[in-house]
Amino acid sequence: MSSRPPPGALNLTVAFAGATAYLASVAGDRGQPALGVAIAVCAVASEATLATFALTRRLPFRDTRPTPGLVRVSFGVFAATLIATGTGLLVGGDVFPWPLRPESSALFGLIFLGSAVYFLHGAWRPRWANAAGQLAGFLAYDLILIVPFLDRFDEVSSGDLLSLSIYTAVLVYSGTLAAYYLVRHRPGTLAYSGE
């Protein structure tokens, strides 16, 4: 098994802790449904994922091959992009290629910020065991979203065309990167040269 739980747990901790704080901040607003259960679930989930991170972060790597250089650089670029996009969504910016409700925008922003932590961890500790999980997750995400994103080009307004084009380009690049390196770097292959 090449992936490790610590960075994934850290990703979820950031997203769940942020969701807990956000939901608590809007719980009393007019028009909001009762959010007590959602707040409690997010709080428990953030504590559980933080505990998972704390208990597993010192586990040894099973696959100690270095992360290929292009993957490591890409992780840094992904993290920067996710931080910028997640922050924009959190403050209600118009960065998605379709309109979002303020609540959805904030929660998507927190998910993006959690994902940024995941990629930063993979870039900071460049071992294949820290890269494989992110790449597999990205590939699944890309395969699910690529067709709906391509379909939106027929109906998108000119104001959202740039955003949709950027999102689609990121999906194509990250999917290609993930597919190539997950095949090239799979268990049983010769150690990668790092180029």
Protein backbone atom coordinates (compact mmCIF):
# COMPACT_ATOMS: atom_id res chain seq x y z
CA MET A 1 0.00 0.00 0.00
CA SER A 2 1.58 3.28 -1.07
CA SER A 3 -0.70 5.93 0.40
CA ARG A 4 -0.61 7.00 4.06
CA PRO A 5 -3.45 8.27 6.24
CA PRO A 6 -1.76 11.33 7.83
CA PRO A 7 -2.04 13.87 5.00
CA GLY A 8 -5.58 12.78 4.13
CA ALA A 9 -6.56 13.09 7.79
CA LEU A 10 -5.01 16.56 7.94
CA ASN A 11 -6.98 17.56 4.83
CA LEU A 12 -10.24 16.45 6.46
CA THR A 13 -9.35 18.09 9.77
CA VAL A 14 -8.98 21.49 8.09
CA ALA A 15 -12.23 21.06 6.14
CA PHE A 16 -14.28 19.76 9.10
CA ALA A 17 -12.90 22.26 11.63
CA GLY A 18 -13.58 25.09 9.19
CA ALA A 19 -17.09 23.78 8.52
CA THR A 20 -17.74 23.60 12.26
CA ALA A 21 -16.72 27.22 12.73
CA TYR A 22 -18.61 28.42 9.65
CA LEU A 23 -21.84 26.59 10.50
CA ALA A 24 -21.67 27.85 14.10
CA SER A 25 -21.24 31.41 12.80
CA VAL A 26 -24.39 31.27 10.64
CA ALA A 27 -26.53 29.08 12.91
CA GLY A 28 -28.55 31.99 14.28
CA ASP A 29 -29.04 33.80 10.97
CA ARG A 30 -32.57 34.36 9.69
CA GLY A 31 -33.64 31.70 7.21
CA GLN A 32 -31.08 29.12 8.35
CA PRO A 33 -32.41 25.68 9.29
CA ALA A 34 -31.45 24.12 12.60
CA LEU A 35 -27.73 23.39 12.28
CA GLY A 36 -27.01 21.78 15.66
CA VAL A 37 -26.66 18.25 14.31
CA ALA A 38 -24.48 19.34 11.39
CA ILE A 39 -22.24 21.36 13.72
CA ALA A 40 -21.89 18.40 16.10
CA VAL A 41 -21.10 15.97 13.27
CA CYS A 42 -18.45 18.30 11.82
CA ALA A 43 -16.92 18.91 15.27
CA VAL A 44 -16.69 15.18 16.04
CA ALA A 45 -15.31 14.48 12.56
CA SER A 46 -12.64 17.17 12.94
CA GLU A 47 -11.56 15.73 16.29
CA ALA A 48 -11.50 12.19 14.91
CA THR A 49 -9.46 13.14 11.86
CA LEU A 50 -7.06 15.20 13.96
CA ALA A 51 -6.61 12.20 16.29
CA THR A 52 -5.99 9.99 13.25
CA PHE A 53 -3.33 12.41 12.03
CA ALA A 54 -1.67 12.54 15.46
CA LEU A 55 -1.64 8.75 15.84
CA THR A 56 -0.38 7.96 12.34
CA ARG A 57 1.95 10.81 11.39
CA ARG A 58 5.06 8.99 12.61
CA LEU A 59 4.31 5.71 10.86
CA PRO A 60 7.19 4.71 8.59
CA PHE A 61 6.79 4.98 4.84
CA ARG A 62 6.21 1.64 3.15
CA ASP A 63 7.16 3.07 -0.21
CA THR A 64 10.15 5.36 0.25
CA ARG A 65 10.75 6.18 -3.42
CA PRO A 66 11.07 9.93 -3.95
CA THR A 67 8.20 11.85 -5.46
CA PRO A 68 9.07 12.69 -9.08
CA GLY A 69 10.12 16.31 -9.51
CA LEU A 70 7.24 17.26 -11.83
CA VAL A 71 4.71 15.85 -9.36
CA ARG A 72 6.29 17.75 -6.46
CA VAL A 73 6.29 21.05 -8.39
CA SER A 74 2.73 20.39 -9.54
CA PHE A 75 1.67 19.82 -5.93
CA GLY A 76 3.06 23.24 -5.02
CA VAL A 77 1.16 24.85 -7.91
CA PHE A 78 -2.03 22.94 -6.99
CA ALA A 79 -1.71 24.07 -3.37
CA ALA A 80 -1.26 27.73 -4.35
CA THR A 81 -4.22 27.52 -6.74
CA LEU A 82 -6.40 25.82 -4.12
CA ILE A 83 -5.49 28.43 -1.49
CA ALA A 84 -6.36 31.29 -3.86
CA THR A 85 -9.59 29.65 -5.07
CA GLY A 86 -10.60 28.42 -1.61
CA THR A 87 -10.06 31.84 -0.07
CA GLY A 88 -12.04 33.45 -2.90
CA LEU A 89 -14.91 31.03 -2.33
CA LEU A 90 -14.77 31.51 1.43
CA VAL A 91 -15.23 35.27 1.11
CA GLY A 92 -17.99 34.86 -1.48
CA GLY A 93 -16.00 35.62 -4.61
CA ASP A 94 -17.35 34.71 -8.02
CA VAL A 95 -14.75 32.07 -8.93
CA PHE A 96 -16.87 29.06 -9.92
CA PRO A 97 -18.15 28.79 -13.51
CA TRP A 98 -21.73 28.82 -12.17
CA PRO A 99 -23.44 30.71 -9.35
CA LEU A 100 -23.21 29.36 -5.79
CA ARG A 101 -25.23 30.17 -2.70
CA PRO A 102 -23.11 31.83 0.02
CA GLU A 103 -23.27 28.71 2.20
CA SER A 104 -22.14 26.43 -0.63
CA SER A 105 -19.39 28.85 -1.61
CA ALA A 106 -18.00 28.92 1.93
CA LEU A 107 -18.11 25.14 2.35
CA PHE A 108 -16.49 24.53 -1.05
CA GLY A 109 -13.82 27.05 -0.05
CA LEU A 110 -13.07 25.10 3.12
CA ILE A 111 -12.84 21.85 1.15
CA PHE A 112 -10.40 23.51 -1.25
CA LEU A 113 -8.28 24.82 1.65
CA GLY A 114 -8.20 21.34 3.19
CA SER A 115 -7.06 19.94 -0.15
CA ALA A 116 -4.33 22.60 -0.31
CA VAL A 117 -2.95 21.29 2.99
CA TYR A 118 -2.94 17.78 1.51
CA PHE A 119 -0.86 18.90 -1.48
CA LEU A 120 1.48 21.03 0.65
CA HIS A 121 2.16 18.00 2.84
CA GLY A 122 2.95 15.92 -0.26
CA ALA A 123 5.36 18.59 -1.54
CA TRP A 124 6.97 19.07 1.89
CA ARG A 125 7.53 15.33 2.47
CA PRO A 126 8.35 14.16 -1.05
CA ARG A 127 7.93 10.42 -0.82
CA TRP A 128 5.83 8.40 -3.22
CA ALA A 129 3.70 7.24 -0.29
CA ASN A 130 2.67 10.89 0.18
CA ALA A 131 1.96 11.44 -3.52
CA ALA A 132 0.01 8.35 -4.60
CA GLY A 133 -3.09 9.13 -2.53
CA GLN A 134 -3.34 12.67 -3.84
CA LEU A 135 -2.89 11.53 -7.43
CA ALA A 136 -5.47 8.74 -7.12
CA GLY A 137 -7.94 11.17 -5.54
CA PHE A 138 -7.29 13.74 -8.25
CA LEU A 139 -7.78 11.16 -11.00
CA ALA A 140 -11.13 10.07 -9.55
CA TYR A 141 -12.20 13.72 -9.14
CA ASP A 142 -11.15 14.48 -12.72
CA LEU A 143 -12.94 11.48 -14.22
CA ILE A 144 -16.16 12.40 -12.43
CA LEU A 145 -16.09 16.09 -13.39
CA ILE A 146 -14.57 16.24 -16.86
CA VAL A 147 -17.76 15.38 -18.81
CA PRO A 148 -20.04 17.79 -16.87
CA PHE A 149 -17.44 20.55 -17.26
CA LEU A 150 -17.12 19.94 -21.01
CA ASP A 151 -20.92 19.94 -21.33
CA ARG A 152 -21.09 23.38 -19.69
CA PHE A 153 -19.19 25.00 -22.57
CA ASP A 154 -22.44 24.88 -24.62
CA GLU A 155 -24.40 26.85 -22.03
CA VAL A 156 -21.89 28.98 -20.13
CA SER A 157 -22.18 32.75 -20.24
CA SER A 158 -19.26 34.79 -21.54
CA GLY A 159 -18.52 36.00 -18.00
CA ASP A 160 -18.01 32.43 -16.76
CA LEU A 161 -16.09 31.19 -19.81
CA LEU A 162 -12.64 32.07 -18.42
CA SER A 163 -13.34 30.35 -15.09
CA LEU A 164 -14.70 27.24 -16.83
CA SER A 165 -11.69 27.14 -19.18
CA ILE A 166 -9.24 27.35 -16.26
CA TYR A 167 -11.06 24.66 -14.27
CA THR A 168 -11.17 22.39 -17.32
CA ALA A 169 -7.48 22.93 -18.07
CA VAL A 170 -6.61 22.03 -14.46
CA LEU A 171 -8.75 18.87 -14.72
CA VAL A 172 -7.04 17.79 -17.95
CA TYR A 173 -3.53 18.52 -16.63
CA SER A 174 -4.02 16.90 -13.23
CA GLY A 175 -5.78 13.87 -14.72
CA THR A 176 -2.98 13.35 -17.23
CA LEU A 177 -0.32 13.79 -14.53
CA ALA A 178 -2.09 11.35 -12.22
CA ALA A 179 -2.72 8.72 -14.88
CA TYR A 180 0.87 8.82 -16.12
CA TYR A 181 2.58 8.65 -12.74
CA LEU A 182 0.19 6.15 -11.16
CA VAL A 183 1.00 3.75 -14.01
CA ARG A 184 4.71 4.66 -14.23
CA HIS A 185 5.27 4.57 -10.46
CA ARG A 186 3.05 1.62 -9.51
CA PRO A 187 4.37 -0.98 -7.06
CA GLY A 188 6.64 -3.46 -8.75
CA THR A 189 8.09 -1.02 -11.27
CA LEU A 190 11.73 -0.02 -11.15
CA ALA A 191 12.51 2.98 -8.96
CA TYR A 192 11.77 6.16 -10.81
CA SER A 193 14.71 8.38 -11.71
CA GLY A 194 13.07 11.47 -10.25
CA GLU A 195 12.88 13.39 -13.51
